[in-house]
Amino acid sequence: MKARVPKQNAGGANQNMNAMIKQAQKMQDEITKLQDEIEEREFSATAGGGAVEVVLYGKKSIKSLTIKPEVVNKDDVEMLQDLVISAVNEAISKIEETTEDEMSKITGGVSLPGLF
């Protein structure tokens, strides 16, 4: 015996499904647009009281790195390395935080694995 869906409900279910699909497509388009915008933005961070500044694009590639001459000490290269690492990590954290905050505005706070 076949199960039958009443005709009056079948159309409504299809309309609801189509509306959900359109809404999901719109959300996907907004997410893609936002990801592209974030990748083009610049994020900067400093370390050592401004002795080292790094600027990254949202796609996590370095645009520029500025090191003040007074922080360069051939006897303490390790400190300079730490400052550079610290500045880069801070800029990456800013990118990730901005991405998460702005994506949650689109998704309504629902985490969508694999998107960001």
PDB file of N, CA and C in Angstrom:
ATOM      1  N   MET A   1       0.845  -1.184   0.000  1.00  0.00           N
ATOM      2  CA  MET A   1       0.000   0.000   0.000  1.00  0.00           C
ATOM      3  C   MET A   1       0.888   1.245   0.000  1.00  0.00           C
ATOM      4  N   LYS A   2       0.590   2.175  -0.847  1.00  0.00           N
ATOM      5  CA  LYS A   2       1.350   3.412  -0.953  1.00  0.00           C
ATOM      6  C   LYS A   2       0.809   4.453   0.010  1.00  0.00           C
ATOM      7  N   ALA A   3       1.747   5.198   0.582  1.00  0.00           N
ATOM      8  CA  ALA A   3       1.337   6.319   1.425  1.00  0.00           C
ATOM      9  C   ALA A   3       1.111   7.516   0.522  1.00  0.00           C
ATOM     10  N   ARG A   4       0.058   8.222   0.786  1.00  0.00           N
ATOM     11  CA  ARG A   4      -0.263   9.383  -0.043  1.00  0.00           C
ATOM     12  C   ARG A   4      -0.271  10.641   0.803  1.00  0.00           C
ATOM     13  N   VAL A   5       0.271  11.674   0.201  1.00  0.00           N
ATOM     14  CA  VAL A   5       0.244  12.980   0.847  1.00  0.00           C
ATOM     15  C   VAL A   5      -0.954  13.718   0.282  1.00  0.00           C
ATOM     16  N   PRO A   6      -1.769  14.261   1.158  1.00  0.00           N
ATOM     17  CA  PRO A   6      -2.919  15.022   0.649  1.00  0.00           C
ATOM     18  C   PRO A   6      -2.445  16.147  -0.264  1.00  0.00           C
ATOM     19  N   LYS A   7      -3.208  16.377  -1.327  1.00  0.00           N
ATOM     20  CA  LYS A   7      -2.813  17.360  -2.323  1.00  0.00           C
ATOM     21  C   LYS A   7      -2.646  18.764  -1.740  1.00  0.00           C
ATOM     22  N   GLN A   8      -3.466  19.136  -0.808  1.00  0.00           N
ATOM     23  CA  GLN A   8      -3.360  20.484  -0.255  1.00  0.00           C
ATOM     24  C   GLN A   8      -2.044  20.680   0.507  1.00  0.00           C
ATOM     25  N   ASN A   9      -1.500  19.650   1.135  1.00  0.00           N
ATOM     26  CA  ASN A   9      -0.251  19.769   1.875  1.00  0.00           C
ATOM     27  C   ASN A   9       0.962  19.626   0.961  1.00  0.00           C
ATOM     28  N   ALA A  10       0.827  18.895  -0.109  1.00  0.00           N
ATOM     29  CA  ALA A  10       1.969  18.659  -0.987  1.00  0.00           C
ATOM     30  C   ALA A  10       2.484  19.962  -1.575  1.00  0.00           C
ATOM     31  N   GLY A  11       1.614  20.824  -2.010  1.00  0.00           N
ATOM     32  CA  GLY A  11       2.030  22.100  -2.581  1.00  0.00           C
ATOM     33  C   GLY A  11       2.673  22.990  -1.540  1.00  0.00           C
ATOM     34  N   GLY A  12       2.124  23.008  -0.342  1.00  0.00           N
ATOM     35  CA  GLY A  12       2.676  23.827   0.735  1.00  0.00           C
ATOM     36  C   GLY A  12       4.053  23.371   1.137  1.00  0.00           C
ATOM     37  N   ALA A  13       4.248  22.061   1.171  1.00  0.00           N
ATOM     38  CA  ALA A  13       5.560  21.530   1.538  1.00  0.00           C
ATOM     39  C   ALA A  13       6.593  21.905   0.487  1.00  0.00           C
ATOM     40  N   ASN A  14       6.207  21.817  -0.777  1.00  0.00           N
ATOM     41  CA  ASN A  14       7.128  22.194  -1.853  1.00  0.00           C
ATOM     42  C   ASN A  14       7.466  23.675  -1.796  1.00  0.00           C
ATOM     43  N   GLN A  15       6.476  24.504  -1.507  1.00  0.00           N
ATOM     44  CA  GLN A  15       6.721  25.940  -1.407  1.00  0.00           C
ATOM     45  C   GLN A  15       7.652  26.241  -0.234  1.00  0.00           C
ATOM     46  N   ASN A  16       7.426  25.556   0.895  1.00  0.00           N
ATOM     47  CA  ASN A  16       8.291  25.759   2.055  1.00  0.00           C
ATOM     48  C   ASN A  16       9.718  25.319   1.751  1.00  0.00           C
ATOM     49  N   MET A  17       9.848  24.185   1.067  1.00  0.00           N
ATOM     50  CA  MET A  17      11.172  23.679   0.723  1.00  0.00           C
ATOM     51  C   MET A  17      11.865  24.641  -0.238  1.00  0.00           C
ATOM     52  N   ASN A  18      11.127  25.136  -1.228  1.00  0.00           N
ATOM     53  CA  ASN A  18      11.708  26.090  -2.179  1.00  0.00           C
ATOM     54  C   ASN A  18      12.148  27.373  -1.472  1.00  0.00           C
ATOM     55  N   ALA A  19      11.352  27.832  -0.527  1.00  0.00           N
ATOM     56  CA  ALA A  19      11.700  29.037   0.225  1.00  0.00           C
ATOM     57  C   ALA A  19      12.961  28.799   1.053  1.00  0.00           C
ATOM     58  N   MET A  20      13.079  27.625   1.656  1.00  0.00           N
ATOM     59  CA  MET A  20      14.271  27.302   2.445  1.00  0.00           C
ATOM     60  C   MET A  20      15.505  27.229   1.554  1.00  0.00           C
ATOM     61  N   ILE A  21      15.349  26.641   0.387  1.00  0.00           N
ATOM     62  CA  ILE A  21      16.470  26.535  -0.553  1.00  0.00           C
ATOM     63  C   ILE A  21      16.907  27.927  -1.004  1.00  0.00           C
ATOM     64  N   LYS A  22      15.957  28.799  -1.312  1.00  0.00           N
ATOM     65  CA  LYS A  22      16.287  30.162  -1.719  1.00  0.00           C
ATOM     66  C   LYS A  22      16.976  30.913  -0.590  1.00  0.00           C
ATOM     67  N   GLN A  23      16.497  30.724   0.642  1.00  0.00           N
ATOM     68  CA  GLN A  23      17.098  31.389   1.786  1.00  0.00           C
ATOM     69  C   GLN A  23      18.529  30.883   2.013  1.00  0.00           C
ATOM     70  N   ALA A  24      18.737  29.583   1.878  1.00  0.00           N
ATOM     71  CA  ALA A  24      20.081  29.011   2.042  1.00  0.00           C
ATOM     72  C   ALA A  24      21.014  29.519   0.939  1.00  0.00           C
ATOM     73  N   GLN A  25      20.528  29.623  -0.280  1.00  0.00           N
ATOM     74  CA  GLN A  25      21.341  30.134  -1.386  1.00  0.00           C
ATOM     75  C   GLN A  25      21.717  31.591  -1.148  1.00  0.00           C
ATOM     76  N   LYS A  26      20.753  32.379  -0.653  1.00  0.00           N
ATOM     77  CA  LYS A  26      21.023  33.782  -0.353  1.00  0.00           C
ATOM     78  C   LYS A  26      22.090  33.885   0.734  1.00  0.00           C
ATOM     79  N   MET A  27      21.976  33.053   1.779  1.00  0.00           N
ATOM     80  CA  MET A  27      22.954  33.063   2.855  1.00  0.00           C
ATOM     81  C   MET A  27      24.331  32.670   2.320  1.00  0.00           C
ATOM     82  N   GLN A  28      24.374  31.670   1.464  1.00  0.00           N
ATOM     83  CA  GLN A  28      25.644  31.237   0.885  1.00  0.00           C
ATOM     84  C   GLN A  28      26.267  32.354   0.060  1.00  0.00           C
ATOM     85  N   ASP A  29      25.459  33.066  -0.710  1.00  0.00           N
ATOM     86  CA  ASP A  29      25.962  34.178  -1.508  1.00  0.00           C
ATOM     87  C   ASP A  29      26.519  35.290  -0.614  1.00  0.00           C
ATOM     88  N   GLU A  30      25.818  35.581   0.484  1.00  0.00           N
ATOM     89  CA  GLU A  30      26.278  36.610   1.418  1.00  0.00           C
ATOM     90  C   GLU A  30      27.587  36.193   2.091  1.00  0.00           C
ATOM     91  N   ILE A  31      27.691  34.928   2.451  1.00  0.00           N
ATOM     92  CA  ILE A  31      28.908  34.418   3.079  1.00  0.00           C
ATOM     93  C   ILE A  31      30.081  34.514   2.116  1.00  0.00           C
ATOM     94  N   THR A  32      29.877  34.115   0.876  1.00  0.00           N
ATOM     95  CA  THR A  32      30.932  34.183  -0.136  1.00  0.00           C
ATOM     96  C   THR A  32      31.373  35.625  -0.360  1.00  0.00           C
ATOM     97  N   LYS A  33      30.418  36.536  -0.439  1.00  0.00           N
ATOM     98  CA  LYS A  33      30.736  37.951  -0.628  1.00  0.00           C
ATOM     99  C   LYS A  33      31.535  38.472   0.557  1.00  0.00           C
ATOM    100  N   LEU A  34      31.117  38.132   1.772  1.00  0.00           N
ATOM    101  CA  LEU A  34      31.826  38.590   2.969  1.00  0.00           C
ATOM    102  C   LEU A  34      33.238  38.018   3.032  1.00  0.00           C
ATOM    103  N   GLN A  35      33.384  36.737   2.706  1.00  0.00           N
ATOM    104  CA  GLN A  35      34.721  36.128   2.694  1.00  0.00           C
ATOM    105  C   GLN A  35      35.635  36.860   1.720  1.00  0.00           C
ATOM    106  N   ASP A  36      35.132  37.197   0.548  1.00  0.00           N
ATOM    107  CA  ASP A  36      35.927  37.924  -0.441  1.00  0.00           C
ATOM    108  C   ASP A  36      36.314  39.310   0.085  1.00  0.00           C
ATOM    109  N   GLU A  37      35.354  39.993   0.727  1.00  0.00           N
ATOM    110  CA  GLU A  37      35.627  41.321   1.275  1.00  0.00           C
ATOM    111  C   GLU A  37      36.686  41.253   2.377  1.00  0.00           C
ATOM    112  N   ILE A  38      36.570  40.277   3.259  1.00  0.00           N
ATOM    113  CA  ILE A  38      37.533  40.140   4.353  1.00  0.00           C
ATOM    114  C   ILE A  38      38.924  39.830   3.815  1.00  0.00           C
ATOM    115  N   GLU A  39      39.013  39.007   2.793  1.00  0.00           N
ATOM    116  CA  GLU A  39      40.315  38.678   2.204  1.00  0.00           C
ATOM    117  C   GLU A  39      41.025  39.914   1.661  1.00  0.00           C
ATOM    118  N   GLU A  40      40.288  40.921   1.233  1.00  0.00           N
ATOM    119  CA  GLU A  40      40.882  42.133   0.669  1.00  0.00           C
ATOM    120  C   GLU A  40      41.192  43.187   1.734  1.00  0.00           C
ATOM    121  N   ARG A  41      40.611  43.058   2.918  1.00  0.00           N
ATOM    122  CA  ARG A  41      40.851  44.028   3.984  1.00  0.00           C
ATOM    123  C   ARG A  41      42.268  43.907   4.528  1.00  0.00           C
ATOM    124  N   GLU A  42      42.706  44.976   5.177  1.00  0.00           N
ATOM    125  CA  GLU A  42      44.011  44.973   5.819  1.00  0.00           C
ATOM    126  C   GLU A  42      43.819  44.986   7.335  1.00  0.00           C
ATOM    127  N   PHE A  43      44.625  44.188   8.012  1.00  0.00           N
ATOM    128  CA  PHE A  43      44.597  44.089   9.469  1.00  0.00           C
ATOM    129  C   PHE A  43      46.015  44.343   9.966  1.00  0.00           C
ATOM    130  N   SER A  44      46.146  45.229  10.938  1.00  0.00           N
ATOM    131  CA  SER A  44      47.487  45.520  11.441  1.00  0.00           C
ATOM    132  C   SER A  44      47.571  45.242  12.930  1.00  0.00           C
ATOM    133  N   ALA A  45      48.788  44.977  13.365  1.00  0.00           N
ATOM    134  CA  ALA A  45      49.058  44.749  14.785  1.00  0.00           C
ATOM    135  C   ALA A  45      50.486  45.178  15.064  1.00  0.00           C
ATOM    136  N   THR A  46      50.715  45.549  16.308  1.00  0.00           N
ATOM    137  CA  THR A  46      52.054  45.954  16.712  1.00  0.00           C
ATOM    138  C   THR A  46      52.500  45.127  17.906  1.00  0.00           C
ATOM    139  N   ALA A  47      53.799  45.154  18.142  1.00  0.00           N
ATOM    140  CA  ALA A  47      54.384  44.496  19.315  1.00  0.00           C
ATOM    141  C   ALA A  47      55.542  45.359  19.794  1.00  0.00           C
ATOM    142  N   GLY A  48      55.884  45.189  21.050  1.00  0.00           N
ATOM    143  CA  GLY A  48      56.999  45.947  21.608  1.00  0.00           C
ATOM    144  C   GLY A  48      56.732  47.439  21.647  1.00  0.00           C
ATOM    145  N   GLY A  49      55.493  47.803  21.967  1.00  0.00           N
ATOM    146  CA  GLY A  49      55.155  49.224  22.033  1.00  0.00           C
ATOM    147  C   GLY A  49      55.250  49.930  20.693  1.00  0.00           C
ATOM    148  N   GLY A  50      55.011  49.215  19.624  1.00  0.00           N
ATOM    149  CA  GLY A  50      55.063  49.800  18.287  1.00  0.00           C
ATOM    150  C   GLY A  50      56.403  49.624  17.593  1.00  0.00           C
ATOM    151  N   ALA A  51      57.315  48.911  18.238  1.00  0.00           N
ATOM    152  CA  ALA A  51      58.632  48.688  17.626  1.00  0.00           C
ATOM    153  C   ALA A  51      58.532  47.838  16.369  1.00  0.00           C
ATOM    154  N   VAL A  52      57.551  46.939  16.346  1.00  0.00           N
ATOM    155  CA  VAL A  52      57.309  46.087  15.181  1.00  0.00           C
ATOM    156  C   VAL A  52      55.837  46.230  14.812  1.00  0.00           C
ATOM    157  N   GLU A  53      55.598  46.495  13.534  1.00  0.00           N
ATOM    158  CA  GLU A  53      54.222  46.558  13.038  1.00  0.00           C
ATOM    159  C   GLU A  53      54.116  45.656  11.824  1.00  0.00           C
ATOM    160  N   VAL A  54      53.033  44.888  11.790  1.00  0.00           N
ATOM    161  CA  VAL A  54      52.779  44.020  10.648  1.00  0.00           C
ATOM    162  C   VAL A  54      51.383  44.328  10.122  1.00  0.00           C
ATOM    163  N   VAL A  55      51.255  44.311   8.802  1.00  0.00           N
ATOM    164  CA  VAL A  55      49.964  44.491   8.150  1.00  0.00           C
ATOM    165  C   VAL A  55      49.711  43.253   7.306  1.00  0.00           C
ATOM    166  N   LEU A  56      48.571  42.610   7.569  1.00  0.00           N
ATOM    167  CA  LEU A  56      48.189  41.415   6.825  1.00  0.00           C
ATOM    168  C   LEU A  56      46.909  41.690   6.057  1.00  0.00           C
ATOM    169  N   TYR A  57      46.785  41.029   4.917  1.00  0.00           N
ATOM    170  CA  TYR A  57      45.505  40.986   4.229  1.00  0.00           C
ATOM    171  C   TYR A  57      44.641  39.943   4.932  1.00  0.00           C
ATOM    172  N   GLY A  58      43.335  40.044   4.755  1.00  0.00           N
ATOM    173  CA  GLY A  58      42.428  39.102   5.382  1.00  0.00           C
ATOM    174  C   GLY A  58      42.648  37.663   4.976  1.00  0.00           C
ATOM    175  N   LYS A  59      43.324  37.443   3.864  1.00  0.00           N
ATOM    176  CA  LYS A  59      43.622  36.072   3.446  1.00  0.00           C
ATOM    177  C   LYS A  59      44.873  35.542   4.137  1.00  0.00           C
ATOM    178  N   LYS A  60      45.332  36.316   5.143  1.00  0.00           N
ATOM    179  CA  LYS A  60      46.457  35.949   6.006  1.00  0.00           C
ATOM    180  C   LYS A  60      47.795  35.944   5.275  1.00  0.00           C
ATOM    181  N   SER A  61      47.944  36.853   4.344  1.00  0.00           N
ATOM    182  CA  SER A  61      49.251  37.049   3.721  1.00  0.00           C
ATOM    183  C   SER A  61      49.765  38.417   4.171  1.00  0.00           C
ATOM    184  N   ILE A  62      51.060  38.509   4.346  1.00  0.00           N
ATOM    185  CA  ILE A  62      51.658  39.736   4.864  1.00  0.00           C
ATOM    186  C   ILE A  62      51.773  40.778   3.760  1.00  0.00           C
ATOM    187  N   LYS A  63      51.259  41.959   4.049  1.00  0.00           N
ATOM    188  CA  LYS A  63      51.397  43.092   3.132  1.00  0.00           C
ATOM    189  C   LYS A  63      52.676  43.847   3.453  1.00  0.00           C
ATOM    190  N   SER A  64      52.883  44.117   4.737  1.00  0.00           N
ATOM    191  CA  SER A  64      54.093  44.860   5.105  1.00  0.00           C
ATOM    192  C   SER A  64      54.526  44.517   6.527  1.00  0.00           C
ATOM    193  N   LEU A  65      55.810  44.748   6.759  1.00  0.00           N
ATOM    194  CA  LEU A  65      56.414  44.535   8.070  1.00  0.00           C
ATOM    195  C   LEU A  65      57.352  45.706   8.318  1.00  0.00           C
ATOM    196  N   THR A  66      57.117  46.425   9.417  1.00  0.00           N
ATOM    197  CA  THR A  66      57.940  47.577   9.759  1.00  0.00           C
ATOM    198  C   THR A  66      58.629  47.316  11.086  1.00  0.00           C
ATOM    199  N   ILE A  67      59.936  47.487  11.082  1.00  0.00           N
ATOM    200  CA  ILE A  67      60.730  47.300  12.296  1.00  0.00           C
ATOM    201  C   ILE A  67      61.498  48.595  12.538  1.00  0.00           C
ATOM    202  N   LYS A  68      61.269  49.186  13.721  1.00  0.00           N
ATOM    203  CA  LYS A  68      61.993  50.410  14.044  1.00  0.00           C
ATOM    204  C   LYS A  68      63.469  50.072  14.286  1.00  0.00           C
ATOM    205  N   PRO A  69      64.378  50.899  13.754  1.00  0.00           N
ATOM    206  CA  PRO A  69      65.812  50.614  13.862  1.00  0.00           C
ATOM    207  C   PRO A  69      66.304  50.429  15.293  1.00  0.00           C
ATOM    208  N   GLU A  70      65.722  51.143  16.235  1.00  0.00           N
ATOM    209  CA  GLU A  70      66.218  51.051  17.612  1.00  0.00           C
ATOM    210  C   GLU A  70      65.954  49.694  18.262  1.00  0.00           C
ATOM    211  N   VAL A  71      65.084  48.887  17.678  1.00  0.00           N
ATOM    212  CA  VAL A  71      64.810  47.571  18.246  1.00  0.00           C
ATOM    213  C   VAL A  71      65.775  46.510  17.693  1.00  0.00           C
ATOM    214  N   VAL A  72      66.502  46.860  16.652  1.00  0.00           N
ATOM    215  CA  VAL A  72      67.436  45.920  16.036  1.00  0.00           C
ATOM    216  C   VAL A  72      68.734  45.903  16.851  1.00  0.00           C
ATOM    217  N   ASN A  73      69.020  44.730  17.378  1.00  0.00           N
ATOM    218  CA  ASN A  73      70.230  44.543  18.187  1.00  0.00           C
ATOM    219  C   ASN A  73      70.837  43.211  17.775  1.00  0.00           C
ATOM    220  N   LYS A  74      71.999  43.265  17.173  1.00  0.00           N
ATOM    221  CA  LYS A  74      72.614  42.030  16.674  1.00  0.00           C
ATOM    222  C   LYS A  74      72.904  41.033  17.784  1.00  0.00           C
ATOM    223  N   ASP A  75      72.978  41.512  19.021  1.00  0.00           N
ATOM    224  CA  ASP A  75      73.229  40.609  20.147  1.00  0.00           C
ATOM    225  C   ASP A  75      71.946  40.017  20.724  1.00  0.00           C
ATOM    226  N   ASP A  76      70.792  40.488  20.233  1.00  0.00           N
ATOM    227  CA  ASP A  76      69.519  39.985  20.755  1.00  0.00           C
ATOM    228  C   ASP A  76      68.515  39.780  19.621  1.00  0.00           C
ATOM    229  N   VAL A  77      68.904  38.996  18.645  1.00  0.00           N
ATOM    230  CA  VAL A  77      68.042  38.691  17.502  1.00  0.00           C
ATOM    231  C   VAL A  77      66.775  37.959  17.960  1.00  0.00           C
ATOM    232  N   GLU A  78      66.901  37.168  18.993  1.00  0.00           N
ATOM    233  CA  GLU A  78      65.772  36.390  19.504  1.00  0.00           C
ATOM    234  C   GLU A  78      64.610  37.299  19.923  1.00  0.00           C
ATOM    235  N   MET A  79      64.910  38.427  20.561  1.00  0.00           N
ATOM    236  CA  MET A  79      63.855  39.351  20.955  1.00  0.00           C
ATOM    237  C   MET A  79      63.122  39.886  19.734  1.00  0.00           C
ATOM    238  N   LEU A  80      63.839  40.245  18.699  1.00  0.00           N
ATOM    239  CA  LEU A  80      63.234  40.751  17.474  1.00  0.00           C
ATOM    240  C   LEU A  80      62.347  39.681  16.842  1.00  0.00           C
ATOM    241  N   GLN A  81      62.820  38.468  16.823  1.00  0.00           N
ATOM    242  CA  GLN A  81      62.013  37.370  16.280  1.00  0.00           C
ATOM    243  C   GLN A  81      60.715  37.221  17.067  1.00  0.00           C
ATOM    244  N   ASP A  82      60.813  37.289  18.381  1.00  0.00           N
ATOM    245  CA  ASP A  82      59.621  37.180  19.225  1.00  0.00           C
ATOM    246  C   ASP A  82      58.630  38.305  18.948  1.00  0.00           C
ATOM    247  N   LEU A  83      59.137  39.512  18.746  1.00  0.00           N
ATOM    248  CA  LEU A  83      58.255  40.645  18.456  1.00  0.00           C
ATOM    249  C   LEU A  83      57.538  40.461  17.121  1.00  0.00           C
ATOM    250  N   VAL A  84      58.263  39.983  16.128  1.00  0.00           N
ATOM    251  CA  VAL A  84      57.656  39.757  14.810  1.00  0.00           C
ATOM    252  C   VAL A  84      56.578  38.675  14.918  1.00  0.00           C
ATOM    253  N   ILE A  85      56.894  37.592  15.581  1.00  0.00           N
ATOM    254  CA  ILE A  85      55.921  36.505  15.762  1.00  0.00           C
ATOM    255  C   ILE A  85      54.688  37.006  16.503  1.00  0.00           C
ATOM    256  N   SER A  86      54.910  37.775  17.547  1.00  0.00           N
ATOM    257  CA  SER A  86      53.807  38.308  18.335  1.00  0.00           C
ATOM    258  C   SER A  86      52.895  39.200  17.498  1.00  0.00           C
ATOM    259  N   ALA A  87      53.478  40.079  16.704  1.00  0.00           N
ATOM    260  CA  ALA A  87      52.685  40.977  15.864  1.00  0.00           C
ATOM    261  C   ALA A  87      51.900  40.202  14.808  1.00  0.00           C
ATOM    262  N   VAL A  88      52.533  39.235  14.173  1.00  0.00           N
ATOM    263  CA  VAL A  88      51.848  38.432  13.149  1.00  0.00           C
ATOM    264  C   VAL A  88      50.693  37.648  13.775  1.00  0.00           C
ATOM    265  N   ASN A  89      50.939  37.015  14.910  1.00  0.00           N
ATOM    266  CA  ASN A  89      49.887  36.247  15.573  1.00  0.00           C
ATOM    267  C   ASN A  89      48.716  37.126  15.994  1.00  0.00           C
ATOM    268  N   GLU A  90      49.012  38.327  16.460  1.00  0.00           N
ATOM    269  CA  GLU A  90      47.945  39.258  16.845  1.00  0.00           C
ATOM    270  C   GLU A  90      47.109  39.663  15.638  1.00  0.00           C
ATOM    271  N   ALA A  91      47.750  39.936  14.516  1.00  0.00           N
ATOM    272  CA  ALA A  91      47.018  40.296  13.300  1.00  0.00           C
ATOM    273  C   ALA A  91      46.152  39.131  12.821  1.00  0.00           C
ATOM    274  N   ILE A  92      46.664  37.919  12.892  1.00  0.00           N
ATOM    275  CA  ILE A  92      45.882  36.741  12.509  1.00  0.00           C
ATOM    276  C   ILE A  92      44.673  36.587  13.421  1.00  0.00           C
ATOM    277  N   SER A  93      44.864  36.810  14.704  1.00  0.00           N
ATOM    278  CA  SER A  93      43.744  36.738  15.655  1.00  0.00           C
ATOM    279  C   SER A  93      42.670  37.761  15.312  1.00  0.00           C
ATOM    280  N   LYS A  94      43.083  38.965  14.910  1.00  0.00           N
ATOM    281  CA  LYS A  94      42.125  40.001  14.516  1.00  0.00           C
ATOM    282  C   LYS A  94      41.326  39.560  13.287  1.00  0.00           C
ATOM    283  N   ILE A  95      42.006  38.951  12.330  1.00  0.00           N
ATOM    284  CA  ILE A  95      41.324  38.467  11.128  1.00  0.00           C
ATOM    285  C   ILE A  95      40.282  37.419  11.502  1.00  0.00           C
ATOM    286  N   GLU A  96      40.685  36.459  12.318  1.00  0.00           N
ATOM    287  CA  GLU A  96      39.774  35.377  12.695  1.00  0.00           C
ATOM    288  C   GLU A  96      38.596  35.892  13.511  1.00  0.00           C
ATOM    289  N   GLU A  97      38.849  36.826  14.421  1.00  0.00           N
ATOM    290  CA  GLU A  97      37.772  37.382  15.237  1.00  0.00           C
ATOM    291  C   GLU A  97      36.790  38.173  14.381  1.00  0.00           C
ATOM    292  N   THR A  98      37.316  38.978  13.463  1.00  0.00           N
ATOM    293  CA  THR A  98      36.458  39.752  12.567  1.00  0.00           C
ATOM    294  C   THR A  98      35.625  38.821  11.695  1.00  0.00           C
ATOM    295  N   THR A  99      36.254  37.794  11.160  1.00  0.00           N
ATOM    296  CA  THR A  99      35.540  36.831  10.315  1.00  0.00           C
ATOM    297  C   THR A  99      34.408  36.171  11.101  1.00  0.00           C
ATOM    298  N   GLU A 100      34.712  35.700  12.300  1.00  0.00           N
ATOM    299  CA  GLU A 100      33.705  35.028  13.115  1.00  0.00           C
ATOM    300  C   GLU A 100      32.557  35.972  13.469  1.00  0.00           C
ATOM    301  N   ASP A 101      32.878  37.196  13.880  1.00  0.00           N
ATOM    302  CA  ASP A 101      31.840  38.162  14.251  1.00  0.00           C
ATOM    303  C   ASP A 101      30.931  38.494  13.077  1.00  0.00           C
ATOM    304  N   GLU A 102      31.532  38.757  11.926  1.00  0.00           N
ATOM    305  CA  GLU A 102      30.733  39.169  10.781  1.00  0.00           C
ATOM    306  C   GLU A 102      29.960  38.001  10.166  1.00  0.00           C
ATOM    307  N   MET A 103      30.525  36.814  10.221  1.00  0.00           N
ATOM    308  CA  MET A 103      29.803  35.639   9.716  1.00  0.00           C
ATOM    309  C   MET A 103      28.595  35.339  10.601  1.00  0.00           C
ATOM    310  N   SER A 104      28.744  35.520  11.907  1.00  0.00           N
ATOM    311  CA  SER A 104      27.624  35.210  12.805  1.00  0.00           C
ATOM    312  C   SER A 104      26.452  36.146  12.557  1.00  0.00           C
ATOM    313  N   LYS A 105      26.724  37.350  12.042  1.00  0.00           N
ATOM    314  CA  LYS A 105      25.634  38.262  11.688  1.00  0.00           C
ATOM    315  C   LYS A 105      24.813  37.695  10.532  1.00  0.00           C
ATOM    316  N   ILE A 106      25.475  37.022   9.615  1.00  0.00           N
ATOM    317  CA  ILE A 106      24.794  36.425   8.455  1.00  0.00           C
ATOM    318  C   ILE A 106      24.084  35.132   8.860  1.00  0.00           C
ATOM    319  N   THR A 107      24.773  34.309   9.633  1.00  0.00           N
ATOM    320  CA  THR A 107      24.239  32.984   9.954  1.00  0.00           C
ATOM    321  C   THR A 107      23.354  32.983  11.189  1.00  0.00           C
ATOM    322  N   GLY A 108      23.229  34.127  11.834  1.00  0.00           N
ATOM    323  CA  GLY A 108      22.406  34.203  13.038  1.00  0.00           C
ATOM    324  C   GLY A 108      23.052  33.479  14.216  1.00  0.00           C
ATOM    325  N   GLY A 109      24.365  33.383  14.198  1.00  0.00           N
ATOM    326  CA  GLY A 109      25.091  32.738  15.291  1.00  0.00           C
ATOM    327  C   GLY A 109      25.230  31.237  15.153  1.00  0.00           C
ATOM    328  N   VAL A 110      24.660  30.676  14.089  1.00  0.00           N
ATOM    329  CA  VAL A 110      24.774  29.242  13.865  1.00  0.00           C
ATOM    330  C   VAL A 110      26.110  28.955  13.216  1.00  0.00           C
ATOM    331  N   SER A 111      26.877  28.044  13.802  1.00  0.00           N
ATOM    332  CA  SER A 111      28.172  27.694  13.254  1.00  0.00           C
ATOM    333  C   SER A 111      27.972  26.729  12.100  1.00  0.00           C
ATOM    334  N   LEU A 112      28.552  27.064  10.956  1.00  0.00           N
ATOM    335  CA  LEU A 112      28.454  26.206   9.784  1.00  0.00           C
ATOM    336  C   LEU A 112      29.836  25.665   9.474  1.00  0.00           C
ATOM    337  N   PRO A 113      30.116  24.433   9.894  1.00  0.00           N
ATOM    338  CA  PRO A 113      31.450  23.863   9.721  1.00  0.00           C
ATOM    339  C   PRO A 113      31.929  23.929   8.280  1.00  0.00           C
ATOM    340  N   GLY A 114      33.186  24.296   8.125  1.00  0.00           N
ATOM    341  CA  GLY A 114      33.781  24.333   6.804  1.00  0.00           C
ATOM    342  C   GLY A 114      33.658  25.644   6.083  1.00  0.00           C
ATOM    343  N   LEU A 115      32.842  26.565   6.604  1.00  0.00           N
ATOM    344  CA  LEU A 115      32.674  27.832   5.923  1.00  0.00           C
ATOM    345  C   LEU A 115      33.666  28.870   6.381  1.00  0.00           C
ATOM    346  N   PHE A 116      34.004  28.848   7.658  1.00  0.00           N
ATOM    347  CA  PHE A 116      34.942  29.839   8.198  1.00  0.00           C
ATOM    348  C   PHE A 116      35.521  29.329   9.477  1.00  0.00           C
TER     349      PHE A 116
END
